[in-house]
Amino acid sequence: MAKVHPNAFYFYSSNSLMNTDRETYTIWMKSLIYNSNGCTIFNSKGDIVYRIDNYTRKCSSEVYLMDIRGQVLFTLRRKKLSLFRCWEGYRSSNLDTRKETPMFRVRENCRILKRDLLCQVNVGCDRSTATCYSIEGLFGKSDFQILDHQRRIIAEAKQKVSASGVLLGEDVSSLVVESGSDHSFIIALIAVYGLINHKM
């Protein structure tokens, strides 16, 4: 059986999670905790850099993007009583995010007939000055792109192929994040996309 990543249990030890260089990640829509839902993200060296553990709950309404030590980087919360499915992301400066303004919002816009799953991302509170991104893919599939307001691809995920040419399962993706991006923010968007897409 092909491994998700050959160095799966070599933990990332650097303090620099705010990488802005181009990087290729492996996204595994599984938690490392036995029988738990979640997501584990490896960098190109095979080091674990990000993780989400939902434990026994799938499609939870609140999840936490953490580094390997368990420090919360983003709190992701589904907005209640919204006409469209909407998620809010809070960069975790403290434990009580309910009093804070979200850093970004992700709203689902599903084209049911075409099976496209489109998500609009607004970064910032003021709609007149908010930076916009979009996440585009097919519902239930692991391939998708994140584009900026000029339609430039800033991150792209595809189903991972092992070094020996074996196509891994739909829960394992290879993600390329272009330079100039806050990688933890991109991973937070991907986590929301996985929740909307019922992947974790």
Protein backbone atom coordinates (compact mmCIF):
# COMPACT_ATOMS: atom_id res chain seq x y z
CA MET A 1 0.00 0.00 0.00
CA ALA A 2 1.34 3.44 -0.93
CA LYS A 3 1.99 5.79 1.97
CA VAL A 4 0.36 9.21 2.16
CA HIS A 5 3.79 10.61 2.92
CA PRO A 6 7.01 8.69 3.66
CA ASN A 7 7.93 10.88 6.64
CA ALA A 8 4.46 11.06 8.14
CA PHE A 9 5.61 11.08 11.77
CA TYR A 10 8.55 13.45 11.56
CA PHE A 11 7.11 16.50 13.29
CA TYR A 12 7.77 19.99 11.99
CA SER A 13 10.00 21.82 14.43
CA SER A 14 10.35 25.30 12.94
CA ASN A 15 8.54 28.28 14.43
CA SER A 16 7.94 29.75 10.96
CA LEU A 17 4.39 28.91 9.90
CA MET A 18 3.96 32.24 8.08
CA ASN A 19 5.71 30.92 4.98
CA THR A 20 5.30 33.04 1.86
CA ASP A 21 7.48 30.99 -0.52
CA ARG A 22 6.01 28.59 -3.07
CA GLU A 23 5.31 25.28 -1.33
CA THR A 24 3.77 21.94 -2.14
CA TYR A 25 1.72 20.34 0.63
CA THR A 26 0.06 16.98 1.06
CA ILE A 27 -3.46 17.24 2.45
CA TRP A 28 -4.82 14.09 4.06
CA MET A 29 -8.47 14.36 5.09
CA LYS A 30 -7.86 12.19 8.14
CA SER A 31 -6.97 12.92 11.71
CA LEU A 32 -3.88 11.29 13.24
CA ILE A 33 -6.02 10.52 16.28
CA TYR A 34 -7.46 7.01 15.97
CA ASN A 35 -11.08 6.87 14.69
CA SER A 36 -11.32 10.68 14.53
CA ASN A 37 -12.40 13.05 11.78
CA GLY A 38 -10.16 15.87 10.70
CA CYS A 39 -7.29 16.79 8.45
CA THR A 40 -3.49 16.53 8.51
CA ILE A 41 -1.21 18.67 6.32
CA PHE A 42 2.41 17.82 5.48
CA ASN A 43 4.95 20.08 3.80
CA SER A 44 7.19 18.99 0.91
CA LYS A 45 9.75 17.53 3.34
CA GLY A 46 7.14 15.29 4.92
CA ASP A 47 6.88 17.31 8.13
CA ILE A 48 3.45 17.74 9.72
CA VAL A 49 2.75 21.48 9.80
CA TYR A 50 -1.02 21.83 10.30
CA ARG A 51 -3.82 19.66 11.67
CA ILE A 52 -7.52 19.67 12.47
CA ASP A 53 -9.08 17.13 14.85
CA ASN A 54 -12.88 16.92 14.97
CA TYR A 55 -12.78 13.72 17.00
CA THR A 56 -16.10 11.85 16.64
CA ARG A 57 -17.99 14.67 14.90
CA LYS A 58 -18.07 15.07 11.13
CA CYS A 59 -19.07 18.40 9.51
CA SER A 60 -18.80 20.15 12.87
CA SER A 61 -20.03 23.74 13.10
CA GLU A 62 -16.78 24.88 14.75
CA VAL A 63 -13.26 23.59 14.11
CA TYR A 64 -9.74 24.69 14.97
CA LEU A 65 -6.77 24.83 12.62
CA MET A 66 -3.70 24.06 14.71
CA ASP A 67 0.02 23.69 14.29
CA ILE A 68 1.65 20.38 15.23
CA ARG A 69 1.99 21.45 18.87
CA GLY A 70 -1.76 22.07 19.15
CA GLN A 71 -1.56 25.87 19.11
CA VAL A 72 -4.75 27.21 17.52
CA LEU A 73 -4.03 29.36 14.45
CA PHE A 74 -7.60 29.85 13.20
CA THR A 75 -11.04 29.21 14.64
CA LEU A 76 -13.51 28.35 11.86
CA ARG A 77 -17.18 28.76 12.72
CA ARG A 78 -20.31 28.16 10.67
CA LYS A 79 -22.59 31.18 10.73
CA LYS A 80 -26.04 30.34 12.01
CA LEU A 81 -29.33 31.54 10.47
CA SER A 82 -27.70 32.37 7.14
CA LEU A 83 -29.60 31.97 3.85
CA PHE A 84 -26.45 30.53 2.21
CA ARG A 85 -23.99 28.31 4.00
CA CYS A 86 -21.45 30.74 5.39
CA TRP A 87 -18.31 30.25 7.47
CA GLU A 88 -16.28 32.80 9.39
CA GLY A 89 -12.58 32.55 10.15
CA TYR A 90 -10.93 34.11 13.18
CA ARG A 91 -7.16 34.35 13.50
CA SER A 92 -6.62 33.10 17.01
CA SER A 93 -5.03 35.79 19.13
CA ASN A 94 -6.89 34.54 22.20
CA LEU A 95 -9.34 31.83 23.17
CA ASP A 96 -12.50 33.98 23.14
CA THR A 97 -13.12 34.68 19.44
CA ARG A 98 -16.84 35.38 19.92
CA LYS A 99 -16.06 39.01 20.79
CA GLU A 100 -13.78 39.48 17.79
CA THR A 101 -14.50 40.45 14.20
CA PRO A 102 -13.84 37.61 11.74
CA MET A 103 -10.78 37.94 9.52
CA PHE A 104 -12.63 36.36 6.59
CA ARG A 105 -15.99 34.97 5.49
CA VAL A 106 -16.59 32.13 3.05
CA ARG A 107 -20.00 31.85 1.40
CA GLU A 108 -21.03 28.84 -0.65
CA ASN A 109 -22.57 29.40 -4.07
CA CYS A 110 -23.34 25.96 -5.54
CA ARG A 111 -24.33 25.54 -9.17
CA ILE A 112 -26.31 22.36 -8.71
CA LEU A 113 -26.90 21.53 -12.37
CA LYS A 114 -23.21 21.82 -13.29
CA ARG A 115 -22.09 20.27 -10.00
CA ASP A 116 -19.71 23.19 -9.56
CA LEU A 117 -18.94 24.16 -5.99
CA LEU A 118 -18.03 27.84 -5.87
CA CYS A 119 -17.18 29.72 -2.72
CA GLN A 120 -16.71 33.45 -2.40
CA VAL A 121 -14.17 34.63 0.18
CA ASN A 122 -14.18 38.12 1.65
CA VAL A 123 -11.19 39.12 3.75
CA GLY A 124 -11.86 42.11 5.98
CA CYS A 125 -15.04 43.43 7.55
CA ASP A 126 -15.76 46.47 5.43
CA ARG A 127 -17.29 45.24 2.17
CA SER A 128 -16.08 48.32 0.31
CA THR A 129 -12.44 47.53 1.10
CA ALA A 130 -12.59 43.73 1.46
CA THR A 131 -10.19 41.60 -0.56
CA CYS A 132 -12.02 38.93 -2.53
CA TYR A 133 -10.98 35.40 -3.43
CA SER A 134 -12.88 32.46 -4.87
CA ILE A 135 -12.59 28.71 -4.39
CA GLU A 136 -13.69 26.66 -7.38
CA GLY A 137 -14.06 22.91 -7.76
CA LEU A 138 -16.51 20.07 -8.28
CA PHE A 139 -18.70 18.89 -5.43
CA GLY A 140 -17.30 15.72 -3.85
CA LYS A 141 -13.97 15.92 -5.70
CA SER A 142 -10.53 16.72 -4.31
CA ASP A 143 -9.43 18.97 -7.20
CA PHE A 144 -9.99 22.71 -6.74
CA GLN A 145 -8.37 26.13 -7.16
CA ILE A 146 -8.18 29.29 -5.07
CA LEU A 147 -8.13 32.44 -7.19
CA ASP A 148 -7.60 36.08 -6.30
CA HIS A 149 -9.76 39.00 -7.45
CA GLN A 150 -7.79 39.16 -10.73
CA ARG A 151 -8.50 35.46 -11.39
CA ARG A 152 -4.90 34.48 -10.76
CA ILE A 153 -4.41 31.03 -9.24
CA ILE A 154 -2.81 31.33 -5.81
CA ALA A 155 -3.35 27.71 -4.75
CA GLU A 156 -4.31 24.53 -6.59
CA ALA A 157 -5.10 21.06 -5.28
CA LYS A 158 -5.20 17.80 -7.21
CA GLN A 159 -5.60 14.18 -6.20
CA LYS A 160 -2.13 13.02 -5.19
CA VAL A 161 -0.06 10.54 -7.18
CA SER A 162 2.67 8.69 -5.28
CA ALA A 163 6.31 8.64 -6.41
CA SER A 164 5.69 5.19 -7.93
CA GLY A 165 2.75 6.48 -9.98
CA VAL A 166 -0.08 5.16 -7.80
CA LEU A 167 -3.14 7.42 -7.65
CA LEU A 168 -4.03 7.82 -3.99
CA GLY A 169 -7.59 8.08 -2.67
CA GLU A 170 -9.92 11.07 -2.94
CA ASP A 171 -9.00 12.00 0.63
CA VAL A 172 -5.34 12.69 -0.29
CA SER A 173 -4.47 15.80 -2.31
CA SER A 174 -1.33 17.55 -3.45
CA LEU A 175 -1.62 21.30 -2.90
CA VAL A 176 0.62 23.91 -4.50
CA VAL A 177 0.53 27.34 -2.84
CA GLU A 178 2.13 30.12 -4.86
CA SER A 179 4.64 32.56 -3.38
CA GLY A 180 3.46 35.73 -1.70
CA SER A 181 0.63 34.04 0.22
CA ASP A 182 0.02 33.55 3.94
CA HIS A 183 0.01 29.76 3.94
CA SER A 184 -1.87 29.38 7.21
CA PHE A 185 -4.67 31.52 5.76
CA ILE A 186 -4.76 29.39 2.58
CA ILE A 187 -4.93 26.20 4.69
CA ALA A 188 -7.79 27.74 6.71
CA LEU A 189 -9.70 28.36 3.45
CA ILE A 190 -9.07 24.77 2.39
CA ALA A 191 -10.38 23.54 5.74
CA VAL A 192 -13.62 25.49 5.20
CA TYR A 193 -13.87 24.11 1.68
CA GLY A 194 -13.43 20.59 3.06
CA LEU A 195 -16.24 21.20 5.57
CA ILE A 196 -18.57 22.55 2.88
CA ASN A 197 -17.63 19.63 0.64
CA HIS A 198 -18.37 17.12 3.46
CA LYS A 199 -14.76 15.90 3.50
CA MET A 200 -14.28 16.14 7.25
